[in-house]
Amino acid sequence: MSIWKRVGSILKSNKQEPEAKPSNPLEDSQLGDIITVDLEEYVVSGKLTYFDRGFAPHRFAYYLQNGKHISCLVVEKGRTYECFLCEFVEGSLDDPNDVPSSLDVGGDFTYELEHNRSDTVRSDGNTDFRANDQVLFWRYFGREDQYFFLQWQDGKYVAMEGCRTPAGQIKFIKGSQS
């Protein structure tokens, strides 16, 4: 081995490798990962990533399966992360233009429209939506940190009802396939 190859080897060995980008489990969880919320364990069976074209994702929805039961963890990215553990609700509407600004869900409980928007969605695994297509999204709030989410894509509505969950109470475990 020549002296120049030795010097080159020494220089290469002293070169620091670039640091890996730190992983954020609220955004980077994948199918097969395990999520623990309120001492209940779920397996991620589907993931929706919402974004505006040309911009970073701003909302994630994880379809969580525990046996036959399926829930949804909605993570909204802003200055901080807002997390909502939701249950799917049955119902229907014919037209996205008929979505009311106030929802009466029976009794004396009412949700008020907080905001709505149109996003592009990327879909992985078992979800209710087609990938790379527009989704209309409505977020309602009620009393005692109760929230209602309504989504529409190409004639199909998905409704969810849930409550805010602190991000620090959600634990993530990588699946074996990652």
N, C-alpha and C. Protein backbone atom coordinates (compact mmCIF):
# COMPACT_ATOMS: atom_id res chain seq x y z
N MET A 1 0.85 -1.16 0.00
CA MET A 1 0.00 0.00 0.00
C MET A 1 0.90 1.23 0.00
N SER A 2 0.59 2.18 -0.85
CA SER A 2 1.42 3.38 -0.95
C SER A 2 1.14 4.34 0.20
N ILE A 3 2.01 5.26 0.39
CA ILE A 3 1.88 6.25 1.46
C ILE A 3 0.64 7.12 1.26
N TRP A 4 0.30 7.41 0.00
CA TRP A 4 -0.86 8.27 -0.28
C TRP A 4 -2.16 7.55 0.05
N LYS A 5 -2.22 6.25 -0.19
CA LYS A 5 -3.41 5.49 0.17
C LYS A 5 -3.57 5.45 1.68
N ARG A 6 -2.46 5.31 2.40
CA ARG A 6 -2.51 5.29 3.86
C ARG A 6 -3.00 6.62 4.41
N VAL A 7 -2.44 7.72 3.86
CA VAL A 7 -2.87 9.06 4.29
C VAL A 7 -4.35 9.26 3.97
N GLY A 8 -4.76 8.84 2.80
CA GLY A 8 -6.18 8.95 2.42
C GLY A 8 -7.07 8.15 3.35
N SER A 9 -6.64 6.95 3.74
CA SER A 9 -7.40 6.11 4.67
C SER A 9 -7.52 6.78 6.03
N ILE A 10 -6.45 7.38 6.49
CA ILE A 10 -6.46 8.05 7.79
C ILE A 10 -7.41 9.24 7.75
N LEU A 11 -7.36 10.03 6.67
CA LEU A 11 -8.24 11.18 6.55
C LEU A 11 -9.70 10.76 6.49
N LYS A 12 -9.99 9.69 5.76
CA LYS A 12 -11.37 9.20 5.66
C LYS A 12 -11.86 8.69 7.00
N SER A 13 -11.01 8.05 7.77
CA SER A 13 -11.42 7.51 9.06
C SER A 13 -11.69 8.62 10.07
N ASN A 14 -11.02 9.78 9.92
CA ASN A 14 -11.23 10.89 10.84
C ASN A 14 -12.42 11.76 10.44
N LYS A 15 -12.94 11.56 9.26
CA LYS A 15 -14.07 12.36 8.79
C LYS A 15 -15.32 11.97 9.58
N GLN A 16 -16.02 12.98 10.09
CA GLN A 16 -17.25 12.71 10.84
C GLN A 16 -18.38 12.44 9.87
N GLU A 17 -19.16 11.43 10.21
CA GLU A 17 -20.30 11.12 9.38
C GLU A 17 -21.42 12.10 9.71
N PRO A 18 -22.23 12.46 8.72
CA PRO A 18 -23.32 13.40 8.99
C PRO A 18 -24.29 12.80 10.01
N GLU A 19 -24.76 13.66 10.91
CA GLU A 19 -25.67 13.19 11.93
C GLU A 19 -27.01 12.87 11.31
N ALA A 20 -27.62 11.80 11.80
CA ALA A 20 -28.93 11.41 11.30
C ALA A 20 -29.97 12.41 11.79
N LYS A 21 -30.94 12.69 10.94
CA LYS A 21 -32.02 13.61 11.31
C LYS A 21 -32.79 13.01 12.48
N PRO A 22 -33.00 13.79 13.54
CA PRO A 22 -33.73 13.24 14.67
C PRO A 22 -35.16 12.87 14.27
N SER A 23 -35.61 11.74 14.74
CA SER A 23 -36.93 11.25 14.39
C SER A 23 -37.98 11.85 15.34
N ASN A 24 -39.10 12.24 14.79
CA ASN A 24 -40.22 12.74 15.57
C ASN A 24 -41.35 11.72 15.45
N PRO A 25 -41.61 10.93 16.50
CA PRO A 25 -42.60 9.87 16.38
C PRO A 25 -44.01 10.37 16.10
N LEU A 26 -44.34 11.62 16.46
CA LEU A 26 -45.66 12.16 16.16
C LEU A 26 -45.88 12.29 14.65
N GLU A 27 -44.80 12.41 13.89
CA GLU A 27 -44.90 12.55 12.44
C GLU A 27 -44.40 11.32 11.68
N ASP A 28 -43.44 10.59 12.26
CA ASP A 28 -42.73 9.55 11.52
C ASP A 28 -43.21 8.13 11.79
N SER A 29 -44.22 7.95 12.62
CA SER A 29 -44.70 6.58 12.88
C SER A 29 -45.21 5.96 11.59
N GLN A 30 -45.03 4.66 11.48
CA GLN A 30 -45.38 3.94 10.26
C GLN A 30 -46.30 2.77 10.58
N LEU A 31 -46.77 2.11 9.54
CA LEU A 31 -47.61 0.92 9.70
C LEU A 31 -46.86 -0.12 10.53
N GLY A 32 -47.54 -0.74 11.46
CA GLY A 32 -46.94 -1.77 12.29
C GLY A 32 -46.35 -1.26 13.59
N ASP A 33 -46.18 0.06 13.73
CA ASP A 33 -45.69 0.62 14.98
C ASP A 33 -46.77 0.48 16.06
N ILE A 34 -46.35 0.51 17.30
CA ILE A 34 -47.28 0.40 18.43
C ILE A 34 -47.37 1.76 19.11
N ILE A 35 -48.60 2.20 19.36
CA ILE A 35 -48.84 3.46 20.04
C ILE A 35 -49.64 3.16 21.30
N THR A 36 -49.19 3.72 22.42
CA THR A 36 -49.88 3.55 23.69
C THR A 36 -50.49 4.89 24.09
N VAL A 37 -51.80 4.89 24.31
CA VAL A 37 -52.53 6.07 24.75
C VAL A 37 -53.41 5.66 25.92
N ASP A 38 -53.30 6.36 27.04
CA ASP A 38 -54.10 6.05 28.24
C ASP A 38 -54.02 4.57 28.61
N LEU A 39 -52.81 4.04 28.62
CA LEU A 39 -52.51 2.65 29.00
C LEU A 39 -53.15 1.62 28.07
N GLU A 40 -53.60 2.05 26.92
CA GLU A 40 -54.18 1.15 25.92
C GLU A 40 -53.22 1.07 24.74
N GLU A 41 -52.87 -0.14 24.30
CA GLU A 41 -51.94 -0.31 23.18
C GLU A 41 -52.68 -0.54 21.88
N TYR A 42 -52.19 0.11 20.84
CA TYR A 42 -52.77 0.01 19.50
C TYR A 42 -51.66 -0.26 18.50
N VAL A 43 -52.01 -0.89 17.40
CA VAL A 43 -51.10 -1.08 16.27
C VAL A 43 -51.55 -0.14 15.17
N VAL A 44 -50.60 0.57 14.55
CA VAL A 44 -50.93 1.49 13.46
C VAL A 44 -51.26 0.66 12.22
N SER A 45 -52.53 0.73 11.78
CA SER A 45 -52.95 -0.04 10.61
C SER A 45 -53.13 0.84 9.38
N GLY A 46 -53.10 2.16 9.57
CA GLY A 46 -53.22 3.09 8.45
C GLY A 46 -52.73 4.46 8.85
N LYS A 47 -52.30 5.22 7.86
CA LYS A 47 -51.79 6.58 8.15
C LYS A 47 -52.20 7.51 7.02
N LEU A 48 -52.74 8.66 7.39
CA LEU A 48 -53.05 9.72 6.45
C LEU A 48 -52.15 10.91 6.75
N THR A 49 -51.55 11.49 5.74
CA THR A 49 -50.71 12.67 5.88
C THR A 49 -51.34 13.78 5.06
N TYR A 50 -51.72 14.87 5.72
CA TYR A 50 -52.39 15.99 5.07
C TYR A 50 -51.38 17.11 4.81
N PHE A 51 -51.44 17.70 3.62
CA PHE A 51 -50.51 18.77 3.28
C PHE A 51 -51.10 19.62 2.17
N ASP A 52 -50.56 20.83 2.03
CA ASP A 52 -50.83 21.69 0.88
C ASP A 52 -49.70 21.44 -0.10
N ARG A 53 -50.01 21.35 -1.36
CA ARG A 53 -48.97 21.06 -2.35
C ARG A 53 -47.83 22.07 -2.25
N GLY A 54 -46.60 21.54 -2.17
CA GLY A 54 -45.42 22.39 -2.08
C GLY A 54 -45.04 22.76 -0.65
N PHE A 55 -45.80 22.30 0.33
CA PHE A 55 -45.51 22.63 1.73
C PHE A 55 -45.39 21.35 2.56
N ALA A 56 -44.79 21.48 3.73
CA ALA A 56 -44.64 20.33 4.63
C ALA A 56 -45.99 19.90 5.18
N PRO A 57 -46.13 18.62 5.55
CA PRO A 57 -47.38 18.15 6.14
C PRO A 57 -47.72 18.90 7.43
N HIS A 58 -49.02 19.09 7.68
CA HIS A 58 -49.45 19.81 8.86
C HIS A 58 -50.45 19.03 9.72
N ARG A 59 -50.86 17.86 9.25
CA ARG A 59 -51.79 17.03 10.01
C ARG A 59 -51.54 15.57 9.66
N PHE A 60 -51.65 14.70 10.67
CA PHE A 60 -51.48 13.27 10.48
C PHE A 60 -52.65 12.58 11.17
N ALA A 61 -53.15 11.52 10.56
CA ALA A 61 -54.20 10.71 11.18
C ALA A 61 -53.73 9.26 11.16
N TYR A 62 -53.61 8.68 12.34
CA TYR A 62 -53.18 7.29 12.47
C TYR A 62 -54.40 6.42 12.79
N TYR A 63 -54.65 5.43 11.96
CA TYR A 63 -55.72 4.47 12.23
C TYR A 63 -55.13 3.44 13.18
N LEU A 64 -55.71 3.35 14.37
CA LEU A 64 -55.18 2.50 15.44
C LEU A 64 -56.10 1.31 15.64
N GLN A 65 -55.50 0.13 15.64
CA GLN A 65 -56.28 -1.09 15.79
C GLN A 65 -55.91 -1.80 17.08
N ASN A 66 -56.94 -2.17 17.85
CA ASN A 66 -56.78 -2.94 19.07
C ASN A 66 -57.79 -4.08 18.97
N GLY A 67 -57.33 -5.25 18.55
CA GLY A 67 -58.25 -6.34 18.26
C GLY A 67 -59.07 -5.98 17.04
N LYS A 68 -60.40 -6.01 17.16
CA LYS A 68 -61.27 -5.62 16.04
C LYS A 68 -61.64 -4.14 16.09
N HIS A 69 -61.35 -3.49 17.20
CA HIS A 69 -61.72 -2.09 17.39
C HIS A 69 -60.72 -1.17 16.69
N ILE A 70 -61.24 -0.19 15.95
CA ILE A 70 -60.38 0.77 15.25
C ILE A 70 -60.71 2.18 15.75
N SER A 71 -59.67 2.89 16.17
CA SER A 71 -59.78 4.29 16.59
C SER A 71 -58.89 5.12 15.68
N CYS A 72 -58.83 6.41 15.93
CA CYS A 72 -58.00 7.28 15.12
C CYS A 72 -57.31 8.30 16.02
N LEU A 73 -56.01 8.47 15.82
CA LEU A 73 -55.25 9.50 16.51
C LEU A 73 -54.95 10.60 15.50
N VAL A 74 -55.52 11.79 15.73
CA VAL A 74 -55.30 12.93 14.85
C VAL A 74 -54.23 13.81 15.50
N VAL A 75 -53.17 14.10 14.74
CA VAL A 75 -52.07 14.94 15.24
C VAL A 75 -52.00 16.16 14.33
N GLU A 76 -52.23 17.34 14.90
CA GLU A 76 -52.16 18.59 14.14
C GLU A 76 -50.90 19.34 14.54
N LYS A 77 -50.14 19.73 13.54
CA LYS A 77 -48.86 20.39 13.75
C LYS A 77 -49.04 21.89 13.63
N GLY A 78 -48.62 22.60 14.65
CA GLY A 78 -48.63 24.06 14.65
C GLY A 78 -47.43 24.51 15.45
N ARG A 79 -47.61 25.51 16.31
CA ARG A 79 -46.51 25.90 17.20
C ARG A 79 -46.20 24.76 18.15
N THR A 80 -47.23 24.03 18.54
CA THR A 80 -47.09 22.80 19.33
C THR A 80 -47.92 21.74 18.63
N TYR A 81 -47.81 20.52 19.10
CA TYR A 81 -48.61 19.44 18.53
C TYR A 81 -49.90 19.30 19.32
N GLU A 82 -51.03 19.27 18.60
CA GLU A 82 -52.32 18.99 19.22
C GLU A 82 -52.70 17.57 18.83
N CYS A 83 -53.01 16.74 19.82
CA CYS A 83 -53.36 15.35 19.57
C CYS A 83 -54.78 15.08 20.04
N PHE A 84 -55.52 14.30 19.27
CA PHE A 84 -56.90 13.98 19.58
C PHE A 84 -57.11 12.48 19.36
N LEU A 85 -57.56 11.78 20.39
CA LEU A 85 -57.92 10.37 20.25
C LEU A 85 -59.40 10.31 19.94
N CYS A 86 -59.76 9.75 18.78
CA CYS A 86 -61.13 9.82 18.27
C CYS A 86 -61.71 8.44 18.01
N GLU A 87 -63.03 8.38 18.08
CA GLU A 87 -63.80 7.21 17.69
C GLU A 87 -64.61 7.58 16.45
N PHE A 88 -64.78 6.64 15.55
CA PHE A 88 -65.55 6.89 14.33
C PHE A 88 -67.03 6.91 14.66
N VAL A 89 -67.77 7.81 13.98
CA VAL A 89 -69.20 8.00 14.21
C VAL A 89 -69.91 7.74 12.89
N GLU A 90 -71.02 7.04 12.96
CA GLU A 90 -71.81 6.77 11.76
C GLU A 90 -72.73 7.94 11.47
N GLY A 91 -72.96 8.21 10.21
CA GLY A 91 -73.83 9.30 9.78
C GLY A 91 -73.57 9.57 8.31
N SER A 92 -74.37 10.46 7.74
CA SER A 92 -74.16 10.77 6.34
C SER A 92 -74.68 12.16 6.00
N LEU A 93 -74.10 12.71 4.98
CA LEU A 93 -74.54 13.95 4.36
C LEU A 93 -74.44 13.74 2.86
N ASP A 94 -75.27 14.44 2.12
CA ASP A 94 -75.26 14.26 0.68
C ASP A 94 -74.29 15.17 -0.05
N ASP A 95 -74.07 16.36 0.49
CA ASP A 95 -73.32 17.37 -0.23
C ASP A 95 -72.40 18.12 0.74
N PRO A 96 -71.12 18.33 0.37
CA PRO A 96 -70.24 19.07 1.28
C PRO A 96 -70.68 20.52 1.50
N ASN A 97 -71.54 21.04 0.64
CA ASN A 97 -72.07 22.40 0.84
C ASN A 97 -73.13 22.44 1.92
N ASP A 98 -73.63 21.27 2.35
CA ASP A 98 -74.65 21.20 3.39
C ASP A 98 -74.08 21.08 4.79
N VAL A 99 -72.76 21.13 4.95
CA VAL A 99 -72.14 20.98 6.26
C VAL A 99 -72.49 22.19 7.12
N PRO A 100 -73.12 21.97 8.27
CA PRO A 100 -73.55 23.10 9.11
C PRO A 100 -72.40 23.68 9.94
N SER A 101 -72.58 24.88 10.43
CA SER A 101 -71.58 25.50 11.29
C SER A 101 -71.79 25.12 12.75
N SER A 102 -72.93 24.52 13.06
CA SER A 102 -73.22 24.07 14.41
C SER A 102 -73.81 22.66 14.33
N LEU A 103 -73.25 21.72 15.08
CA LEU A 103 -73.73 20.33 15.07
C LEU A 103 -74.40 20.01 16.40
N ASP A 104 -75.64 19.56 16.33
CA ASP A 104 -76.35 19.10 17.53
C ASP A 104 -76.31 17.57 17.49
N VAL A 105 -75.61 16.97 18.44
CA VAL A 105 -75.42 15.51 18.43
C VAL A 105 -76.34 14.81 19.42
N GLY A 106 -77.40 15.45 19.78
CA GLY A 106 -78.37 14.83 20.67
C GLY A 106 -78.29 15.41 22.07
N GLY A 107 -79.44 15.47 22.69
CA GLY A 107 -79.46 16.03 24.04
C GLY A 107 -79.16 17.51 24.00
N ASP A 108 -78.35 17.95 24.92
CA ASP A 108 -77.99 19.37 24.97
C ASP A 108 -76.53 19.61 24.60
N PHE A 109 -75.93 18.67 23.85
CA PHE A 109 -74.53 18.81 23.48
C PHE A 109 -74.42 19.29 22.04
N THR A 110 -73.71 20.40 21.85
CA THR A 110 -73.56 21.01 20.54
C THR A 110 -72.09 21.29 20.26
N TYR A 111 -71.69 21.07 19.02
CA TYR A 111 -70.35 21.41 18.55
C TYR A 111 -70.44 22.63 17.65
N GLU A 112 -69.47 23.52 17.76
CA GLU A 112 -69.40 24.72 16.91
C GLU A 112 -68.20 24.59 15.97
N LEU A 113 -68.37 25.04 14.74
CA LEU A 113 -67.30 24.96 13.74
C LEU A 113 -66.13 25.84 14.16
N GLU A 114 -64.94 25.24 14.23
CA GLU A 114 -63.73 25.99 14.56
C GLU A 114 -63.02 26.44 13.28
N HIS A 115 -62.82 25.51 12.35
CA HIS A 115 -62.25 25.86 11.05
C HIS A 115 -62.48 24.74 10.05
N ASN A 116 -62.35 25.07 8.78
CA ASN A 116 -62.40 24.05 7.73
C ASN A 116 -61.39 24.42 6.66
N ARG A 117 -60.96 23.41 5.92
CA ARG A 117 -59.96 23.63 4.87
C ARG A 117 -59.98 22.47 3.88
N SER A 118 -59.26 22.67 2.80
CA SER A 118 -59.10 21.64 1.78
C SER A 118 -57.62 21.27 1.75
N ASP A 119 -57.32 19.98 1.82
CA ASP A 119 -55.95 19.50 1.83
C ASP A 119 -55.78 18.38 0.82
N THR A 120 -54.53 18.13 0.48
CA THR A 120 -54.18 16.94 -0.27
C THR A 120 -53.77 15.89 0.75
N VAL A 121 -54.12 14.64 0.51
CA VAL A 121 -53.84 13.60 1.49
C VAL A 121 -53.01 12.49 0.85
N ARG A 122 -52.04 12.00 1.63
CA ARG A 122 -51.25 10.83 1.24
C ARG A 122 -51.72 9.70 2.16
N SER A 123 -51.97 8.55 1.61
CA SER A 123 -52.57 7.45 2.35
C SER A 123 -51.68 6.21 2.33
N ASP A 124 -51.50 5.59 3.52
CA ASP A 124 -50.75 4.34 3.65
C ASP A 124 -51.59 3.36 4.47
N GLY A 125 -51.64 2.10 4.05
CA GLY A 125 -52.33 1.08 4.82
C GLY A 125 -53.84 1.15 4.65
N ASN A 126 -54.56 0.69 5.68
CA ASN A 126 -56.02 0.63 5.65
C ASN A 126 -56.61 1.94 6.15
N THR A 127 -57.05 2.78 5.22
CA THR A 127 -57.68 4.05 5.56
C THR A 127 -58.97 4.19 4.75
N ASP A 128 -59.66 5.29 4.97
CA ASP A 128 -60.92 5.53 4.25
C ASP A 128 -60.75 6.37 2.99
N PHE A 129 -59.53 6.81 2.70
CA PHE A 129 -59.36 7.77 1.62
C PHE A 129 -58.36 7.31 0.56
N ARG A 130 -58.55 7.85 -0.62
CA ARG A 130 -57.68 7.61 -1.76
C ARG A 130 -56.48 8.54 -1.65
N ALA A 131 -55.32 8.06 -2.02
CA ALA A 131 -54.08 8.84 -1.90
C ALA A 131 -53.98 9.90 -2.99
N ASN A 132 -53.25 10.98 -2.66
CA ASN A 132 -52.93 12.07 -3.59
C ASN A 132 -54.17 12.71 -4.20
N ASP A 133 -55.18 12.91 -3.37
CA ASP A 133 -56.40 13.55 -3.82
C ASP A 133 -56.84 14.56 -2.76
N GLN A 134 -57.74 15.45 -3.12
CA GLN A 134 -58.22 16.48 -2.21
C GLN A 134 -59.19 15.91 -1.18
N VAL A 135 -59.08 16.41 0.05
CA VAL A 135 -59.99 16.08 1.14
C VAL A 135 -60.46 17.38 1.77
N LEU A 136 -61.77 17.52 1.97
CA LEU A 136 -62.31 18.65 2.71
C LEU A 136 -62.36 18.25 4.17
N PHE A 137 -61.95 19.17 5.05
CA PHE A 137 -61.78 18.84 6.47
C PHE A 137 -62.44 19.92 7.32
N TRP A 138 -63.32 19.52 8.27
CA TRP A 138 -63.96 20.43 9.20
C TRP A 138 -63.61 20.00 10.62
N ARG A 139 -63.29 20.99 11.45
CA ARG A 139 -62.98 20.71 12.87
C ARG A 139 -63.94 21.52 13.73
N TYR A 140 -64.67 20.81 14.60
CA TYR A 140 -65.63 21.42 15.51
C TYR A 140 -65.14 21.27 16.95
N PHE A 141 -65.53 22.20 17.81
CA PHE A 141 -65.19 22.08 19.22
C PHE A 141 -66.46 22.13 20.06
N GLY A 142 -66.41 21.46 21.20
CA GLY A 142 -67.51 21.45 22.15
C GLY A 142 -66.96 21.76 23.53
N ARG A 143 -67.74 21.53 24.52
CA ARG A 143 -67.28 21.81 25.88
C ARG A 143 -66.41 20.66 26.39
N GLU A 144 -65.64 20.93 27.42
CA GLU A 144 -64.81 19.93 28.10
C GLU A 144 -63.81 19.24 27.16
N ASP A 145 -63.19 20.02 26.29
CA ASP A 145 -62.16 19.51 25.37
C ASP A 145 -62.66 18.40 24.45
N GLN A 146 -63.93 18.43 24.10
CA GLN A 146 -64.50 17.47 23.15
C GLN A 146 -64.43 18.08 21.75
N TYR A 147 -64.09 17.26 20.77
CA TYR A 147 -63.95 17.73 19.39
C TYR A 147 -64.66 16.77 18.44
N PHE A 148 -65.05 17.31 17.29
CA PHE A 148 -65.71 16.54 16.25
C PHE A 148 -65.01 16.87 14.94
N PHE A 149 -64.62 15.85 14.19
CA PHE A 149 -63.93 16.03 12.92
C PHE A 149 -64.79 15.41 11.82
N LEU A 150 -64.92 16.13 10.73
CA LEU A 150 -65.69 15.66 9.59
C LEU A 150 -64.80 15.81 8.36
N GLN A 151 -64.74 14.75 7.55
CA GLN A 151 -63.91 14.76 6.35
C GLN A 151 -64.73 14.27 5.17
N TRP A 152 -64.46 14.81 4.00
CA TRP A 152 -65.18 14.43 2.80
C TRP A 152 -64.21 14.30 1.65
N GLN A 153 -64.34 13.18 0.92
CA GLN A 153 -63.57 13.00 -0.31
C GLN A 153 -64.44 12.28 -1.31
N ASP A 154 -64.72 12.96 -2.41
CA ASP A 154 -65.39 12.35 -3.56
C ASP A 154 -66.65 11.57 -3.17
N GLY A 155 -67.54 12.22 -2.40
CA GLY A 155 -68.82 11.60 -2.06
C GLY A 155 -68.83 10.79 -0.79
N LYS A 156 -67.71 10.63 -0.12
CA LYS A 156 -67.65 9.82 1.09
C LYS A 156 -67.31 10.70 2.30
N TYR A 157 -68.14 10.60 3.34
CA TYR A 157 -67.90 11.31 4.59
C TYR A 157 -67.32 10.37 5.63
N VAL A 158 -66.42 10.88 6.44
CA VAL A 158 -65.91 10.16 7.61
C VAL A 158 -66.04 11.12 8.79
N ALA A 159 -66.74 10.70 9.84
CA ALA A 159 -66.94 11.54 11.02
C ALA A 159 -66.27 10.88 12.22
N MET A 160 -65.64 11.71 13.07
CA MET A 160 -64.97 11.21 14.26
C MET A 160 -65.27 12.15 15.43
N GLU A 161 -65.40 11.57 16.59
CA GLU A 161 -65.63 12.34 17.81
C GLU A 161 -64.57 11.93 18.81
N GLY A 162 -63.97 12.91 19.48
CA GLY A 162 -62.92 12.57 20.43
C GLY A 162 -62.55 13.71 21.34
N CYS A 163 -61.48 13.49 22.09
CA CYS A 163 -61.03 14.51 23.03
C CYS A 163 -59.54 14.74 22.87
N ARG A 164 -59.12 15.92 23.32
CA ARG A 164 -57.71 16.29 23.25
C ARG A 164 -56.92 15.41 24.21
N THR A 165 -55.77 14.94 23.76
CA THR A 165 -54.87 14.12 24.56
C THR A 165 -53.50 14.79 24.54
N PRO A 166 -52.90 15.05 25.71
CA PRO A 166 -51.56 15.66 25.71
C PRO A 166 -50.55 14.76 24.98
N ALA A 167 -49.72 15.40 24.15
CA ALA A 167 -48.74 14.65 23.36
C ALA A 167 -47.77 13.87 24.25
N GLY A 168 -47.50 14.36 25.45
CA GLY A 168 -46.59 13.68 26.36
C GLY A 168 -47.13 12.38 26.91
N GLN A 169 -48.44 12.16 26.79
CA GLN A 169 -49.04 10.92 27.27
C GLN A 169 -49.12 9.84 26.21
N ILE A 170 -48.61 10.13 25.02
CA ILE A 170 -48.64 9.17 23.93
C ILE A 170 -47.24 8.58 23.77
N LYS A 171 -47.14 7.26 23.83
CA LYS A 171 -45.86 6.57 23.71
C LYS A 171 -45.81 5.81 22.40
N PHE A 172 -44.64 5.82 21.76
CA PHE A 172 -44.45 5.18 20.46
C PHE A 172 -43.39 4.10 20.56
N ILE A 173 -43.66 2.95 19.94
CA ILE A 173 -42.69 1.86 19.87
C ILE A 173 -42.60 1.46 18.40
N LYS A 174 -41.38 1.45 17.87
CA LYS A 174 -41.20 1.08 16.47
C LYS A 174 -41.53 -0.39 16.26
N GLY A 175 -42.21 -0.67 15.14
CA GLY A 175 -42.52 -2.04 14.78
C GLY A 175 -41.28 -2.78 14.31
N SER A 176 -41.35 -4.08 14.19
CA SER A 176 -40.19 -4.89 13.82
C SER A 176 -39.76 -4.69 12.38
N GLN A 177 -40.67 -4.23 11.51
CA GLN A 177 -40.33 -4.07 10.10
C GLN A 177 -39.61 -2.76 9.81
N SER A 178 -39.55 -1.83 10.75
CA SER A 178 -38.91 -0.53 10.51
C SER A 178 -37.41 -0.64 10.55
